[in-house]
Amino acid sequence: MGTTQAIEKLENSNQGIQVILDHLHDELTDMKQDPRLEGLMDDLENLFHAYLKTWLKSNTDVITMLKEQ
């Protein structure tokens, strides 16, 4: 795989990650209604959010490095 293809795949990945981030709260709303998960879902949502933001930043950093080459 060439550099251009790697950049395209990472950019596509970032777009997908951003879509998930944009809808994360909505996707977890039903689970937040479950009394058995009370108190856990906010922490889980924060964990997912942090994970996805880290993944997005890592991809962006790699894209930047690849473009500099």
N, C-alpha and C. Protein backbone atom coordinates (compact mmCIF):
# COMPACT_ATOMS: atom_id res chain seq x y z
N MET A 1 0.85 -1.16 0.00
CA MET A 1 0.00 0.00 0.00
C MET A 1 0.90 1.23 0.00
N GLY A 2 0.58 2.15 -0.86
CA GLY A 2 1.35 3.38 -0.96
C GLY A 2 0.92 4.41 0.07
N THR A 3 1.69 5.46 0.15
CA THR A 3 1.42 6.53 1.12
C THR A 3 0.07 7.17 0.87
N THR A 4 -0.24 7.40 -0.40
CA THR A 4 -1.52 8.04 -0.74
C THR A 4 -2.69 7.18 -0.28
N GLN A 5 -2.59 5.88 -0.50
CA GLN A 5 -3.66 4.97 -0.08
C GLN A 5 -3.78 4.94 1.44
N ALA A 6 -2.66 4.94 2.13
CA ALA A 6 -2.69 4.94 3.59
C ALA A 6 -3.37 6.20 4.12
N ILE A 7 -3.04 7.34 3.52
CA ILE A 7 -3.66 8.60 3.93
C ILE A 7 -5.16 8.55 3.69
N GLU A 8 -5.57 8.04 2.54
CA GLU A 8 -7.00 7.95 2.22
C GLU A 8 -7.72 7.06 3.23
N LYS A 9 -7.12 5.92 3.57
CA LYS A 9 -7.75 5.01 4.53
C LYS A 9 -7.86 5.65 5.91
N LEU A 10 -6.82 6.35 6.32
CA LEU A 10 -6.87 7.02 7.62
C LEU A 10 -7.90 8.15 7.63
N GLU A 11 -7.99 8.89 6.53
CA GLU A 11 -8.99 9.96 6.44
C GLU A 11 -10.40 9.39 6.46
N ASN A 12 -10.61 8.26 5.76
CA ASN A 12 -11.92 7.60 5.79
C ASN A 12 -12.24 7.11 7.19
N SER A 13 -11.23 6.56 7.85
CA SER A 13 -11.40 6.11 9.23
C SER A 13 -11.80 7.28 10.12
N ASN A 14 -11.14 8.41 9.96
CA ASN A 14 -11.46 9.59 10.76
C ASN A 14 -12.89 10.05 10.53
N GLN A 15 -13.35 9.98 9.29
CA GLN A 15 -14.73 10.37 9.01
C GLN A 15 -15.71 9.45 9.74
N GLY A 16 -15.43 8.15 9.72
CA GLY A 16 -16.27 7.19 10.43
C GLY A 16 -16.25 7.41 11.93
N ILE A 17 -15.07 7.66 12.47
CA ILE A 17 -14.94 7.92 13.90
C ILE A 17 -15.72 9.17 14.28
N GLN A 18 -15.65 10.20 13.44
CA GLN A 18 -16.37 11.45 13.73
C GLN A 18 -17.87 11.22 13.73
N VAL A 19 -18.37 10.40 12.81
CA VAL A 19 -19.80 10.08 12.78
C VAL A 19 -20.21 9.39 14.09
N ILE A 20 -19.39 8.44 14.53
CA ILE A 20 -19.68 7.75 15.78
C ILE A 20 -19.68 8.74 16.95
N LEU A 21 -18.67 9.61 16.99
CA LEU A 21 -18.61 10.62 18.06
C LEU A 21 -19.84 11.52 18.06
N ASP A 22 -20.27 11.92 16.87
CA ASP A 22 -21.42 12.82 16.75
C ASP A 22 -22.70 12.18 17.26
N HIS A 23 -22.79 10.85 17.20
CA HIS A 23 -24.02 10.15 17.56
C HIS A 23 -23.88 9.28 18.81
N LEU A 24 -22.76 9.36 19.47
CA LEU A 24 -22.49 8.49 20.62
C LEU A 24 -23.55 8.65 21.71
N HIS A 25 -23.85 9.87 22.07
CA HIS A 25 -24.83 10.10 23.13
C HIS A 25 -26.19 9.51 22.76
N ASP A 26 -26.62 9.74 21.52
CA ASP A 26 -27.91 9.23 21.07
C ASP A 26 -27.94 7.70 21.08
N GLU A 27 -26.84 7.08 20.68
CA GLU A 27 -26.78 5.62 20.62
C GLU A 27 -26.87 4.98 22.01
N LEU A 28 -26.39 5.68 23.01
CA LEU A 28 -26.37 5.12 24.36
C LEU A 28 -27.59 5.52 25.19
N THR A 29 -28.47 6.34 24.64
CA THR A 29 -29.63 6.83 25.39
C THR A 29 -30.51 5.69 25.89
N ASP A 30 -30.81 4.72 25.04
CA ASP A 30 -31.66 3.60 25.45
C ASP A 30 -31.04 2.82 26.60
N MET A 31 -29.74 2.61 26.52
CA MET A 31 -29.06 1.86 27.58
C MET A 31 -29.08 2.64 28.89
N LYS A 32 -29.07 3.96 28.81
CA LYS A 32 -29.10 4.79 30.02
C LYS A 32 -30.44 4.65 30.75
N GLN A 33 -31.47 4.23 30.04
CA GLN A 33 -32.79 4.06 30.63
C GLN A 33 -32.87 2.81 31.52
N ASP A 34 -31.96 1.88 31.31
CA ASP A 34 -31.96 0.61 32.05
C ASP A 34 -31.49 0.87 33.49
N PRO A 35 -32.35 0.61 34.47
CA PRO A 35 -31.97 0.89 35.86
C PRO A 35 -30.78 0.05 36.34
N ARG A 36 -30.56 -1.10 35.72
CA ARG A 36 -29.42 -1.94 36.11
C ARG A 36 -28.09 -1.28 35.76
N LEU A 37 -28.11 -0.37 34.80
CA LEU A 37 -26.89 0.29 34.34
C LEU A 37 -26.75 1.71 34.88
N GLU A 38 -27.63 2.05 35.81
CA GLU A 38 -27.62 3.41 36.37
C GLU A 38 -26.24 3.74 36.95
N GLY A 39 -25.73 4.87 36.56
CA GLY A 39 -24.43 5.30 37.06
C GLY A 39 -23.26 4.79 36.24
N LEU A 40 -23.45 3.75 35.48
CA LEU A 40 -22.36 3.20 34.68
C LEU A 40 -22.29 3.82 33.29
N MET A 41 -23.43 4.18 32.75
CA MET A 41 -23.46 4.61 31.35
C MET A 41 -22.76 5.94 31.14
N ASP A 42 -22.82 6.84 32.09
CA ASP A 42 -22.10 8.11 31.93
C ASP A 42 -20.60 7.87 31.86
N ASP A 43 -20.12 6.99 32.76
CA ASP A 43 -18.69 6.65 32.74
C ASP A 43 -18.32 5.94 31.45
N LEU A 44 -19.19 5.04 31.00
CA LEU A 44 -18.91 4.31 29.77
C LEU A 44 -18.91 5.25 28.57
N GLU A 45 -19.85 6.18 28.53
CA GLU A 45 -19.89 7.16 27.45
C GLU A 45 -18.62 8.01 27.45
N ASN A 46 -18.20 8.44 28.62
CA ASN A 46 -16.97 9.24 28.72
C ASN A 46 -15.75 8.43 28.26
N LEU A 47 -15.71 7.16 28.62
CA LEU A 47 -14.62 6.29 28.20
C LEU A 47 -14.60 6.13 26.69
N PHE A 48 -15.75 5.83 26.09
CA PHE A 48 -15.84 5.70 24.63
C PHE A 48 -15.42 6.99 23.95
N HIS A 49 -15.90 8.11 24.47
CA HIS A 49 -15.59 9.41 23.88
C HIS A 49 -14.09 9.66 23.90
N ALA A 50 -13.46 9.40 25.04
CA ALA A 50 -12.01 9.61 25.16
C ALA A 50 -11.25 8.67 24.22
N TYR A 51 -11.68 7.42 24.14
CA TYR A 51 -11.04 6.45 23.26
C TYR A 51 -11.13 6.89 21.80
N LEU A 52 -12.31 7.28 21.38
CA LEU A 52 -12.51 7.70 19.99
C LEU A 52 -11.74 8.97 19.67
N LYS A 53 -11.71 9.92 20.59
CA LYS A 53 -10.93 11.15 20.37
C LYS A 53 -9.44 10.84 20.26
N THR A 54 -8.95 9.91 21.08
CA THR A 54 -7.54 9.51 21.02
C THR A 54 -7.24 8.84 19.68
N TRP A 55 -8.13 7.98 19.23
CA TRP A 55 -7.97 7.29 17.95
C TRP A 55 -7.95 8.31 16.82
N LEU A 56 -8.86 9.26 16.86
CA LEU A 56 -8.94 10.31 15.85
C LEU A 56 -7.65 11.13 15.83
N LYS A 57 -7.15 11.50 16.99
CA LYS A 57 -5.91 12.28 17.07
C LYS A 57 -4.72 11.48 16.55
N SER A 58 -4.66 10.21 16.91
CA SER A 58 -3.56 9.36 16.44
C SER A 58 -3.57 9.25 14.92
N ASN A 59 -4.74 9.02 14.35
CA ASN A 59 -4.85 8.96 12.90
C ASN A 59 -4.41 10.28 12.26
N THR A 60 -4.85 11.38 12.84
CA THR A 60 -4.49 12.70 12.31
C THR A 60 -2.99 12.93 12.39
N ASP A 61 -2.38 12.52 13.48
CA ASP A 61 -0.93 12.66 13.62
C ASP A 61 -0.19 11.84 12.57
N VAL A 62 -0.66 10.62 12.31
CA VAL A 62 -0.03 9.77 11.30
C VAL A 62 -0.21 10.38 9.91
N ILE A 63 -1.40 10.90 9.63
CA ILE A 63 -1.65 11.56 8.34
C ILE A 63 -0.68 12.71 8.16
N THR A 64 -0.51 13.52 9.18
CA THR A 64 0.42 14.65 9.11
C THR A 64 1.84 14.18 8.82
N MET A 65 2.27 13.14 9.50
CA MET A 65 3.62 12.61 9.27
C MET A 65 3.78 12.08 7.85
N LEU A 66 2.76 11.38 7.37
CA LEU A 66 2.83 10.83 6.01
C LEU A 66 2.87 11.93 4.96
N LYS A 67 2.12 12.99 5.19
CA LYS A 67 2.11 14.10 4.23
C LYS A 67 3.42 14.86 4.22
N GLU A 68 4.15 14.84 5.33
CA GLU A 68 5.43 15.53 5.41
C GLU A 68 6.55 14.77 4.69
N GLN A 69 6.32 13.50 4.44
CA GLN A 69 7.36 12.69 3.79
C GLN A 69 7.45 12.98 2.32
